[in-house]
PDB file of N, CA and C in Angstrom:
ATOM      1  N   MET A   1      23.186  15.055 -11.424  1.00  0.00           N
ATOM      2  CA  MET A   1      23.654  15.350 -10.079  1.00  0.00           C
ATOM      3  C   MET A   1      22.811  14.571  -9.079  1.00  0.00           C
ATOM      4  N   PHE A   2      23.439  14.037  -8.058  1.00  0.00           N
ATOM      5  CA  PHE A   2      22.776  13.238  -7.039  1.00  0.00           C
ATOM      6  C   PHE A   2      22.006  14.140  -6.087  1.00  0.00           C
ATOM      7  N   ASP A   3      20.737  13.833  -5.851  1.00  0.00           N
ATOM      8  CA  ASP A   3      19.892  14.600  -4.948  1.00  0.00           C
ATOM      9  C   ASP A   3      19.846  13.884  -3.599  1.00  0.00           C
ATOM     10  N   GLU A   4      20.544  14.438  -2.599  1.00  0.00           N
ATOM     11  CA  GLU A   4      20.614  13.801  -1.292  1.00  0.00           C
ATOM     12  C   GLU A   4      19.264  13.792  -0.578  1.00  0.00           C
ATOM     13  N   SER A   5      18.342  14.665  -0.963  1.00  0.00           N
ATOM     14  CA  SER A   5      17.048  14.702  -0.301  1.00  0.00           C
ATOM     15  C   SER A   5      16.098  13.635  -0.849  1.00  0.00           C
ATOM     16  N   ALA A   6      16.464  13.024  -1.968  1.00  0.00           N
ATOM     17  CA  ALA A   6      15.611  11.990  -2.557  1.00  0.00           C
ATOM     18  C   ALA A   6      15.454  10.845  -1.571  1.00  0.00           C
ATOM     19  N   GLY A   7      14.223  10.468  -1.327  1.00  0.00           N
ATOM     20  CA  GLY A   7      13.963   9.362  -0.420  1.00  0.00           C
ATOM     21  C   GLY A   7      14.010   9.738   1.046  1.00  0.00           C
ATOM     22  N   LYS A   8      14.248  10.988   1.346  1.00  0.00           N
ATOM     23  CA  LYS A   8      14.315  11.418   2.738  1.00  0.00           C
ATOM     24  C   LYS A   8      12.898  11.529   3.294  1.00  0.00           C
ATOM     25  N   LEU A   9      12.697  10.958   4.466  1.00  0.00           N
ATOM     26  CA  LEU A   9      11.383  10.968   5.087  1.00  0.00           C
ATOM     27  C   LEU A   9      11.225  12.165   6.020  1.00  0.00           C
ATOM     28  N   SER A  10      10.000  12.652   6.102  1.00  0.00           N
ATOM     29  CA  SER A  10       9.707  13.667   7.112  1.00  0.00           C
ATOM     30  C   SER A  10       9.721  12.961   8.470  1.00  0.00           C
ATOM     31  N   LEU A  11       9.730  13.715   9.547  1.00  0.00           N
ATOM     32  CA  LEU A  11       9.717  13.122  10.880  1.00  0.00           C
ATOM     33  C   LEU A  11       8.482  12.240  11.053  1.00  0.00           C
ATOM     34  N   GLU A  12       7.338  12.708  10.587  1.00  0.00           N
ATOM     35  CA  GLU A  12       6.101  11.935  10.717  1.00  0.00           C
ATOM     36  C   GLU A  12       6.187  10.631   9.925  1.00  0.00           C
ATOM     37  N   GLN A  13       6.753  10.694   8.724  1.00  0.00           N
ATOM     38  CA  GLN A  13       6.910   9.491   7.902  1.00  0.00           C
ATOM     39  C   GLN A  13       7.888   8.512   8.546  1.00  0.00           C
ATOM     40  N   PHE A  14       8.960   9.043   9.121  1.00  0.00           N
ATOM     41  CA  PHE A  14       9.952   8.206   9.790  1.00  0.00           C
ATOM     42  C   PHE A  14       9.303   7.470  10.962  1.00  0.00           C
ATOM     43  N   ILE A  15       8.577   8.195  11.793  1.00  0.00           N
ATOM     44  CA  ILE A  15       7.910   7.587  12.948  1.00  0.00           C
ATOM     45  C   ILE A  15       6.935   6.514  12.475  1.00  0.00           C
ATOM     46  N   ALA A  16       6.146   6.831  11.455  1.00  0.00           N
ATOM     47  CA  ALA A  16       5.176   5.864  10.925  1.00  0.00           C
ATOM     48  C   ALA A  16       5.872   4.624  10.381  1.00  0.00           C
ATOM     49  N   SER A  17       7.024   4.799   9.729  1.00  0.00           N
ATOM     50  CA  SER A  17       7.721   3.641   9.159  1.00  0.00           C
ATOM     51  C   SER A  17       8.262   2.726  10.259  1.00  0.00           C
ATOM     52  N   ILE A  18       8.776   3.304  11.339  1.00  0.00           N
ATOM     53  CA  ILE A  18       9.286   2.487  12.442  1.00  0.00           C
ATOM     54  C   ILE A  18       8.127   1.806  13.161  1.00  0.00           C
ATOM     55  N   ASP A  19       7.032   2.547  13.368  1.00  0.00           N
ATOM     56  CA  ASP A  19       5.835   1.940  13.965  1.00  0.00           C
ATOM     57  C   ASP A  19       5.351   0.771  13.122  1.00  0.00           C
ATOM     58  N   SER A  20       5.333   0.944  11.796  1.00  0.00           N
ATOM     59  CA  SER A  20       4.883  -0.112  10.890  1.00  0.00           C
ATOM     60  C   SER A  20       5.775  -1.341  10.985  1.00  0.00           C
ATOM     61  N   PHE A  21       7.070  -1.114  11.052  1.00  0.00           N
ATOM     62  CA  PHE A  21       8.010  -2.227  11.167  1.00  0.00           C
ATOM     63  C   PHE A  21       7.674  -3.069  12.389  1.00  0.00           C
ATOM     64  N   PHE A  22       7.516  -2.428  13.541  1.00  0.00           N
ATOM     65  CA  PHE A  22       7.241  -3.187  14.755  1.00  0.00           C
ATOM     66  C   PHE A  22       5.830  -3.768  14.756  1.00  0.00           C
ATOM     67  N   GLY A  23       4.885  -3.085  14.134  1.00  0.00           N
ATOM     68  CA  GLY A  23       3.530  -3.619  14.043  1.00  0.00           C
ATOM     69  C   GLY A  23       3.451  -4.838  13.147  1.00  0.00           C
ATOM     70  N   LEU A  24       4.161  -4.805  12.031  1.00  0.00           N
ATOM     71  CA  LEU A  24       4.096  -5.906  11.059  1.00  0.00           C
ATOM     72  C   LEU A  24       4.707  -7.203  11.579  1.00  0.00           C
ATOM     73  N   TRP A  25       5.816  -7.100  12.292  1.00  0.00           N
ATOM     74  CA  TRP A  25       6.449  -8.351  12.706  1.00  0.00           C
ATOM     75  C   TRP A  25       5.565  -9.118  13.675  1.00  0.00           C
ATOM     76  N   ARG A  26       4.730  -8.421  14.422  1.00  0.00           N
ATOM     77  CA  ARG A  26       3.829  -9.107  15.359  1.00  0.00           C
ATOM     78  C   ARG A  26       2.645  -9.754  14.637  1.00  0.00           C
ATOM     79  N   LEU A  27       2.286  -9.233  13.475  1.00  0.00           N
ATOM     80  CA  LEU A  27       1.126  -9.728  12.746  1.00  0.00           C
ATOM     81  C   LEU A  27       1.434 -10.892  11.816  1.00  0.00           C
ATOM     82  N   ASP A  28       2.674 -11.035  11.421  1.00  0.00           N
ATOM     83  CA  ASP A  28       3.024 -12.004  10.394  1.00  0.00           C
ATOM     84  C   ASP A  28       4.059 -12.992  10.910  1.00  0.00           C
ATOM     85  N   GLY A  29       3.654 -14.236  11.055  1.00  0.00           N
ATOM     86  CA  GLY A  29       4.569 -15.265  11.532  1.00  0.00           C
ATOM     87  C   GLY A  29       5.739 -15.504  10.592  1.00  0.00           C
ATOM     88  N   LYS A  30       5.602 -15.120   9.329  1.00  0.00           N
ATOM     89  CA  LYS A  30       6.680 -15.285   8.353  1.00  0.00           C
ATOM     90  C   LYS A  30       7.451 -13.983   8.137  1.00  0.00           C
ATOM     91  N   PHE A  31       7.199 -13.004   8.994  1.00  0.00           N
ATOM     92  CA  PHE A  31       7.880 -11.715   8.854  1.00  0.00           C
ATOM     93  C   PHE A  31       9.393 -11.875   8.864  1.00  0.00           C
ATOM     94  N   ARG A  32       9.879 -12.860   9.581  1.00  0.00           N
ATOM     95  CA  ARG A  32      11.322 -13.104   9.668  1.00  0.00           C
ATOM     96  C   ARG A  32      11.940 -13.291   8.290  1.00  0.00           C
ATOM     97  N   ASP A  33      11.147 -13.780   7.346  1.00  0.00           N
ATOM     98  CA  ASP A  33      11.661 -14.008   5.997  1.00  0.00           C
ATOM     99  C   ASP A  33      11.787 -12.722   5.177  1.00  0.00           C
ATOM    100  N   ASN A  34      11.224 -11.637   5.649  1.00  0.00           N
ATOM    101  CA  ASN A  34      11.254 -10.390   4.891  1.00  0.00           C
ATOM    102  C   ASN A  34      12.514  -9.594   5.235  1.00  0.00           C
ATOM    103  N   VAL A  35      13.614 -10.041   4.694  1.00  0.00           N
ATOM    104  CA  VAL A  35      14.920  -9.456   4.988  1.00  0.00           C
ATOM    105  C   VAL A  35      14.966  -7.967   4.631  1.00  0.00           C
ATOM    106  N   MET A  36      14.298  -7.592   3.558  1.00  0.00           N
ATOM    107  CA  MET A  36      14.347  -6.186   3.127  1.00  0.00           C
ATOM    108  C   MET A  36      13.775  -5.250   4.182  1.00  0.00           C
ATOM    109  N   MET A  37      12.775  -5.691   4.932  1.00  0.00           N
ATOM    110  CA  MET A  37      12.214  -4.840   5.983  1.00  0.00           C
ATOM    111  C   MET A  37      13.278  -4.508   7.027  1.00  0.00           C
ATOM    112  N   TYR A  38      14.087  -5.492   7.378  1.00  0.00           N
ATOM    113  CA  TYR A  38      15.158  -5.257   8.345  1.00  0.00           C
ATOM    114  C   TYR A  38      16.191  -4.279   7.782  1.00  0.00           C
ATOM    115  N   ILE A  39      16.587  -4.545   6.550  1.00  0.00           N
ATOM    116  CA  ILE A  39      17.618  -3.725   5.926  1.00  0.00           C
ATOM    117  C   ILE A  39      17.147  -2.281   5.758  1.00  0.00           C
ATOM    118  N   VAL A  40      15.932  -2.094   5.260  1.00  0.00           N
ATOM    119  CA  VAL A  40      15.393  -0.752   5.058  1.00  0.00           C
ATOM    120  C   VAL A  40      15.232  -0.029   6.390  1.00  0.00           C
ATOM    121  N   THR A  41      14.722  -0.718   7.394  1.00  0.00           N
ATOM    122  CA  THR A  41      14.529  -0.086   8.701  1.00  0.00           C
ATOM    123  C   THR A  41      15.863   0.311   9.311  1.00  0.00           C
ATOM    124  N   GLN A  42      16.844  -0.560   9.230  1.00  0.00           N
ATOM    125  CA  GLN A  42      18.174  -0.221   9.744  1.00  0.00           C
ATOM    126  C   GLN A  42      18.734   1.009   9.039  1.00  0.00           C
ATOM    127  N   GLU A  43      18.594   1.040   7.722  1.00  0.00           N
ATOM    128  CA  GLU A  43      19.117   2.170   6.954  1.00  0.00           C
ATOM    129  C   GLU A  43      18.383   3.459   7.312  1.00  0.00           C
ATOM    130  N   ARG A  44      17.080   3.393   7.471  1.00  0.00           N
ATOM    131  CA  ARG A  44      16.317   4.592   7.852  1.00  0.00           C
ATOM    132  C   ARG A  44      16.765   5.115   9.211  1.00  0.00           C
ATOM    133  N   ILE A  45      16.969   4.215  10.141  1.00  0.00           N
ATOM    134  CA  ILE A  45      17.420   4.641  11.471  1.00  0.00           C
ATOM    135  C   ILE A  45      18.807   5.254  11.379  1.00  0.00           C
ATOM    136  N   ARG A  46      19.707   4.612  10.639  1.00  0.00           N
ATOM    137  CA  ARG A  46      21.071   5.164  10.483  1.00  0.00           C
ATOM    138  C   ARG A  46      21.034   6.570   9.885  1.00  0.00           C
ATOM    139  N   ARG A  47      20.266   6.731   8.819  1.00  0.00           N
ATOM    140  CA  ARG A  47      20.174   8.051   8.178  1.00  0.00           C
ATOM    141  C   ARG A  47      19.599   9.093   9.131  1.00  0.00           C
ATOM    142  N   PHE A  48      18.579   8.699   9.883  1.00  0.00           N
ATOM    143  CA  PHE A  48      17.962   9.632  10.826  1.00  0.00           C
ATOM    144  C   PHE A  48      18.961  10.048  11.897  1.00  0.00           C
ATOM    145  N   VAL A  49      19.666   9.085  12.467  1.00  0.00           N
ATOM    146  CA  VAL A  49      20.649   9.385  13.520  1.00  0.00           C
ATOM    147  C   VAL A  49      21.757  10.273  12.973  1.00  0.00           C
ATOM    148  N   ASP A  50      22.175  10.017  11.733  1.00  0.00           N
ATOM    149  CA  ASP A  50      23.260  10.797  11.136  1.00  0.00           C
ATOM    150  C   ASP A  50      22.833  12.204  10.734  1.00  0.00           C
ATOM    151  N   SER A  51      21.544  12.384  10.429  1.00  0.00           N
ATOM    152  CA  SER A  51      21.115  13.686   9.916  1.00  0.00           C
ATOM    153  C   SER A  51      20.374  14.550  10.931  1.00  0.00           C
ATOM    154  N   ALA A  52      19.881  13.962  11.994  1.00  0.00           N
ATOM    155  CA  ALA A  52      19.111  14.733  12.978  1.00  0.00           C
ATOM    156  C   ALA A  52      20.002  15.142  14.145  1.00  0.00           C
ATOM    157  N   GLU A  53      19.651  16.252  14.737  1.00  0.00           N
ATOM    158  CA  GLU A  53      20.347  16.676  15.951  1.00  0.00           C
ATOM    159  C   GLU A  53      19.586  16.086  17.128  1.00  0.00           C
ATOM    160  N   LEU A  54      20.167  15.063  17.726  1.00  0.00           N
ATOM    161  CA  LEU A  54      19.523  14.335  18.810  1.00  0.00           C
ATOM    162  C   LEU A  54      20.306  14.517  20.093  1.00  0.00           C
ATOM    163  N   ASP A  55      19.599  14.491  21.231  1.00  0.00           N
ATOM    164  CA  ASP A  55      20.354  14.535  22.476  1.00  0.00           C
ATOM    165  C   ASP A  55      21.032  13.178  22.666  1.00  0.00           C
ATOM    166  N   ALA A  56      22.012  13.141  23.529  1.00  0.00           N
ATOM    167  CA  ALA A  56      22.864  11.957  23.672  1.00  0.00           C
ATOM    168  C   ALA A  56      22.067  10.708  24.041  1.00  0.00           C
ATOM    169  N   GLU A  57      21.067  10.839  24.912  1.00  0.00           N
ATOM    170  CA  GLU A  57      20.291   9.678  25.345  1.00  0.00           C
ATOM    171  C   GLU A  57      19.469   9.097  24.196  1.00  0.00           C
ATOM    172  N   VAL A  58      18.837   9.961  23.406  1.00  0.00           N
ATOM    173  CA  VAL A  58      18.029   9.494  22.280  1.00  0.00           C
ATOM    174  C   VAL A  58      18.920   8.841  21.232  1.00  0.00           C
ATOM    175  N   GLU A  59      20.050   9.458  20.952  1.00  0.00           N
ATOM    176  CA  GLU A  59      20.973   8.868  19.979  1.00  0.00           C
ATOM    177  C   GLU A  59      21.471   7.512  20.452  1.00  0.00           C
ATOM    178  N   ALA A  60      21.813   7.405  21.729  1.00  0.00           N
ATOM    179  CA  ALA A  60      22.278   6.128  22.270  1.00  0.00           C
ATOM    180  C   ALA A  60      21.180   5.064  22.182  1.00  0.00           C
ATOM    181  N   THR A  61      19.936   5.466  22.392  1.00  0.00           N
ATOM    182  CA  THR A  61      18.823   4.517  22.294  1.00  0.00           C
ATOM    183  C   THR A  61      18.639   4.049  20.860  1.00  0.00           C
ATOM    184  N   PHE A  62      18.727   4.968  19.896  1.00  0.00           N
ATOM    185  CA  PHE A  62      18.641   4.562  18.489  1.00  0.00           C
ATOM    186  C   PHE A  62      19.773   3.599  18.146  1.00  0.00           C
ATOM    187  N   ARG A  63      20.953   3.847  18.633  1.00  0.00           N
ATOM    188  CA  ARG A  63      22.083   2.950  18.356  1.00  0.00           C
ATOM    189  C   ARG A  63      21.849   1.577  18.995  1.00  0.00           C
ATOM    190  N   ALA A  64      21.198   1.566  20.154  1.00  0.00           N
ATOM    191  CA  ALA A  64      20.866   0.291  20.802  1.00  0.00           C
ATOM    192  C   ALA A  64      19.809  -0.463  19.988  1.00  0.00           C
ATOM    193  N   ILE A  65      18.845   0.263  19.423  1.00  0.00           N
ATOM    194  CA  ILE A  65      17.845  -0.360  18.545  1.00  0.00           C
ATOM    195  C   ILE A  65      18.550  -0.983  17.338  1.00  0.00           C
ATOM    196  N   LEU A  66      19.452  -0.223  16.731  1.00  0.00           N
ATOM    197  CA  LEU A  66      20.211  -0.751  15.594  1.00  0.00           C
ATOM    198  C   LEU A  66      20.973  -2.014  15.979  1.00  0.00           C
ATOM    199  N   SER A  67      21.577  -1.996  17.134  1.00  0.00           N
ATOM    200  CA  SER A  67      22.334  -3.152  17.602  1.00  0.00           C
ATOM    201  C   SER A  67      21.432  -4.377  17.723  1.00  0.00           C
ATOM    202  N   GLN A  68      20.237  -4.184  18.256  1.00  0.00           N
ATOM    203  CA  GLN A  68      19.300  -5.305  18.373  1.00  0.00           C
ATOM    204  C   GLN A  68      18.910  -5.841  17.000  1.00  0.00           C
ATOM    205  N   LEU A  69      18.643  -4.941  16.062  1.00  0.00           N
ATOM    206  CA  LEU A  69      18.267  -5.380  14.713  1.00  0.00           C
ATOM    207  C   LEU A  69      19.435  -6.057  14.006  1.00  0.00           C
ATOM    208  N   GLU A  70      20.643  -5.555  14.233  1.00  0.00           N
ATOM    209  CA  GLU A  70      21.823  -6.161  13.612  1.00  0.00           C
ATOM    210  C   GLU A  70      22.105  -7.543  14.193  1.00  0.00           C
ATOM    211  N   ASN A  71      21.722  -7.768  15.452  1.00  0.00           N
ATOM    212  CA  ASN A  71      21.917  -9.084  16.067  1.00  0.00           C
ATOM    213  C   ASN A  71      21.049 -10.157  15.423  1.00  0.00           C
ATOM    214  N   ILE A  72      19.995  -9.747  14.750  1.00  0.00           N
ATOM    215  CA  ILE A  72      19.096 -10.701  14.110  1.00  0.00           C
ATOM    216  C   ILE A  72      19.771 -11.336  12.911  1.00  0.00           C
ATOM    217  N   GLY A  73      20.559 -10.568  12.200  1.00  0.00           N
ATOM    218  CA  GLY A  73      21.245 -11.097  11.030  1.00  0.00           C
ATOM    219  C   GLY A  73      20.364 -11.023   9.804  1.00  0.00           C
ATOM    220  N   PRO A  74      20.962 -10.792   8.655  1.00  0.00           N
ATOM    221  CA  PRO A  74      20.188 -10.570   7.437  1.00  0.00           C
ATOM    222  C   PRO A  74      19.699 -11.822   6.716  1.00  0.00           C
ATOM    223  N   ILE A  75      20.172 -12.997   7.105  1.00  0.00           N
ATOM    224  CA  ILE A  75      19.796 -14.201   6.366  1.00  0.00           C
ATOM    225  C   ILE A  75      18.883 -15.060   7.231  1.00  0.00           C
ATOM    226  N   PRO A  76      17.590 -15.121   6.907  1.00  0.00           N
ATOM    227  CA  PRO A  76      16.655 -15.855   7.733  1.00  0.00           C
ATOM    228  C   PRO A  76      17.024 -17.321   7.928  1.00  0.00           C
ATOM    229  N   GLY A  77      17.494 -17.972   6.897  1.00  0.00           N
ATOM    230  CA  GLY A  77      17.837 -19.385   6.999  1.00  0.00           C
ATOM    231  C   GLY A  77      18.922 -19.674   8.012  1.00  0.00           C
ATOM    232  N   ALA A  78      19.735 -18.678   8.306  1.00  0.00           N
ATOM    233  CA  ALA A  78      20.833 -18.878   9.248  1.00  0.00           C
ATOM    234  C   ALA A  78      20.324 -19.028  10.673  1.00  0.00           C
ATOM    235  N   ALA A  79      19.099 -18.575  10.929  1.00  0.00           N
ATOM    236  CA  ALA A  79      18.573 -18.636  12.290  1.00  0.00           C
ATOM    237  C   ALA A  79      17.200 -19.302  12.324  1.00  0.00           C
ATOM    238  N   THR A  80      16.959 -20.205  11.395  1.00  0.00           N
ATOM    239  CA  THR A  80      15.645 -20.823  11.277  1.00  0.00           C
ATOM    240  C   THR A  80      15.181 -21.444  12.588  1.00  0.00           C
ATOM    241  N   ASP A  81      16.060 -22.110  13.284  1.00  0.00           N
ATOM    242  CA  ASP A  81      15.680 -22.787  14.521  1.00  0.00           C
ATOM    243  C   ASP A  81      15.968 -21.942  15.755  1.00  0.00           C
ATOM    244  N   ASP A  82      16.346 -20.703  15.560  1.00  0.00           N
ATOM    245  CA  ASP A  82      16.722 -19.831  16.665  1.00  0.00           C
ATOM    246  C   ASP A  82      15.649 -18.771  16.862  1.00  0.00           C
ATOM    247  N   ASP A  83      14.884 -18.914  17.933  1.00  0.00           N
ATOM    248  CA  ASP A  83      13.831 -17.949  18.228  1.00  0.00           C
ATOM    249  C   ASP A  83      14.364 -16.702  18.927  1.00  0.00           C
ATOM    250  N   ALA A  84      15.665 -16.600  19.128  1.00  0.00           N
ATOM    251  CA  ALA A  84      16.240 -15.447  19.813  1.00  0.00           C
ATOM    252  C   ALA A  84      15.962 -14.148  19.067  1.00  0.00           C
ATOM    253  N   TYR A  85      15.730 -14.225  17.750  1.00  0.00           N
ATOM    254  CA  TYR A  85      15.459 -13.001  17.011  1.00  0.00           C
ATOM    255  C   TYR A  85      14.227 -12.289  17.557  1.00  0.00           C
ATOM    256  N   VAL A  86      13.263 -13.035  18.083  1.00  0.00           N
ATOM    257  CA  VAL A  86      12.075 -12.419  18.682  1.00  0.00           C
ATOM    258  C   VAL A  86      12.488 -11.587  19.888  1.00  0.00           C
ATOM    259  N   ASP A  87      13.402 -12.104  20.691  1.00  0.00           N
ATOM    260  CA  ASP A  87      13.883 -11.353  21.855  1.00  0.00           C
ATOM    261  C   ASP A  87      14.517 -10.034  21.424  1.00  0.00           C
ATOM    262  N   HIS A  88      15.273 -10.072  20.322  1.00  0.00           N
ATOM    263  CA  HIS A  88      15.900  -8.847  19.821  1.00  0.00           C
ATOM    264  C   HIS A  88      14.843  -7.854  19.340  1.00  0.00           C
ATOM    265  N   LEU A  89      13.818  -8.358  18.664  1.00  0.00           N
ATOM    266  CA  LEU A  89      12.742  -7.478  18.197  1.00  0.00           C
ATOM    267  C   LEU A  89      11.974  -6.881  19.364  1.00  0.00           C
ATOM    268  N   VAL A  90      11.690  -7.669  20.376  1.00  0.00           N
ATOM    269  CA  VAL A  90      10.966  -7.165  21.550  1.00  0.00           C
ATOM    270  C   VAL A  90      11.785  -6.082  22.238  1.00  0.00           C
ATOM    271  N   LYS A  91      13.067  -6.329  22.418  1.00  0.00           N
ATOM    272  CA  LYS A  91      13.925  -5.344  23.072  1.00  0.00           C
ATOM    273  C   LYS A  91      14.019  -4.063  22.241  1.00  0.00           C
ATOM    274  N   ALA A  92      14.179  -4.212  20.928  1.00  0.00           N
ATOM    275  CA  ALA A  92      14.243  -3.039  20.047  1.00  0.00           C
ATOM    276  C   ALA A  92      12.940  -2.255  20.113  1.00  0.00           C
ATOM    277  N   GLU A  93      11.815  -2.962  20.116  1.00  0.00           N
ATOM    278  CA  GLU A  93      10.515  -2.286  20.181  1.00  0.00           C
ATOM    279  C   GLU A  93      10.344  -1.556  21.506  1.00  0.00           C
ATOM    280  N   GLN A  94      10.782  -2.145  22.593  1.00  0.00           N
ATOM    281  CA  GLN A  94      10.711  -1.488  23.900  1.00  0.00           C
ATOM    282  C   GLN A  94      11.555  -0.216  23.906  1.00  0.00           C
ATOM    283  N   LEU A  95      12.727  -0.287  23.312  1.00  0.00           N
ATOM    284  CA  LEU A  95      13.584   0.899  23.224  1.00  0.00           C
ATOM    285  C   LEU A  95      12.903   1.978  22.384  1.00  0.00           C
ATOM    286  N   TRP A  96      12.294   1.586  21.281  1.00  0.00           N
ATOM    287  CA  TRP A  96      11.586   2.538  20.414  1.00  0.00           C
ATOM    288  C   TRP A  96      10.458   3.220  21.189  1.00  0.00           C
ATOM    289  N   GLN A  97       9.680   2.447  21.929  1.00  0.00           N
ATOM    290  CA  GLN A  97       8.567   3.021  22.682  1.00  0.00           C
ATOM    291  C   GLN A  97       9.061   4.004  23.742  1.00  0.00           C
ATOM    292  N   LYS A  98      10.254   3.779  24.233  1.00  0.00           N
ATOM    293  CA  LYS A  98      10.848   4.661  25.238  1.00  0.00           C
ATOM    294  C   LYS A  98      11.137   6.058  24.675  1.00  0.00           C
ATOM    295  N   ILE A  99      11.534   6.131  23.401  1.00  0.00           N
ATOM    296  CA  ILE A  99      11.916   7.426  22.821  1.00  0.00           C
ATOM    297  C   ILE A  99      10.931   7.937  21.779  1.00  0.00           C
ATOM    298  N   ARG A 100       9.937   7.136  21.419  1.00  0.00           N
ATOM    299  CA  ARG A 100       8.989   7.527  20.369  1.00  0.00           C
ATOM    300  C   ARG A 100       8.241   8.789  20.773  1.00  0.00           C
ATOM    301  N   PRO A 101       8.268   9.813  19.901  1.00  0.00           N
ATOM    302  CA  PRO A 101       7.507  11.018  20.210  1.00  0.00           C
ATOM    303  C   PRO A 101       6.015  10.690  20.265  1.00  0.00           C
ATOM    304  N   GLN A 102       5.353  11.230  21.251  1.00  0.00           N
ATOM    305  CA  GLN A 102       3.916  11.027  21.382  1.00  0.00           C
ATOM    306  C   GLN A 102       3.176  12.115  20.622  1.00  0.00           C
ATOM    307  N   PRO A 103       2.028  11.764  20.046  1.00  0.00           N
ATOM    308  CA  PRO A 103       1.265  12.788  19.306  1.00  0.00           C
ATOM    309  C   PRO A 103       0.870  13.933  20.238  1.00  0.00           C
ATOM    310  N   ASP A 104       0.871  15.107  19.690  1.00  0.00           N
ATOM    311  CA  ASP A 104       0.476  16.297  20.440  1.00  0.00           C
ATOM    312  C   ASP A 104      -1.026  16.231  20.678  1.00  0.00           C
ATOM    313  N   GLU A 105      -1.437  16.281  21.941  1.00  0.00           N
ATOM    314  CA  GLU A 105      -2.854  16.151  22.274  1.00  0.00           C
ATOM    315  C   GLU A 105      -3.692  17.248  21.617  1.00  0.00           C
ATOM    316  N   LYS A 106      -3.118  18.392  21.360  1.00  0.00           N
ATOM    317  CA  LYS A 106      -3.845  19.489  20.737  1.00  0.00           C
ATOM    318  C   LYS A 106      -4.210  19.166  19.294  1.00  0.00           C
ATOM    319  N   GLN A 107      -3.432  18.308  18.636  1.00  0.00           N
ATOM    320  CA  GLN A 107      -3.679  17.955  17.243  1.00  0.00           C
ATOM    321  C   GLN A 107      -4.828  16.981  17.099  1.00  0.00           C
ATOM    322  N   GLU A 108      -5.180  16.272  18.154  1.00  0.00           N
ATOM    323  CA  GLU A 108      -6.229  15.259  18.057  1.00  0.00           C
ATOM    324  C   GLU A 108      -7.604  15.859  18.099  1.00  0.00           C
TER     325      GLU A 108
END
């Protein structure tokens, strides 16, 4: 029997994975070649949006992030000379920072 909870991330894990995605692309000039990072991140966002109860603004922002990531395209060679993918990543990261939950100051 298929276990739908398999591979499901906690909220903290989800936030950390999205933070890692945006942190890594800035550190690695060849990050564009890591197609799986884009695909996995897109899928995680889709699953989160589909399974979480989000207010309309947050859901719309997640969909806008997905749109930016989808604009990059999955095949790096197709955009080798096109630096526009950086613009999409910057915009997606800005959208993420807009809705990213901040750590509870009491926990620190």
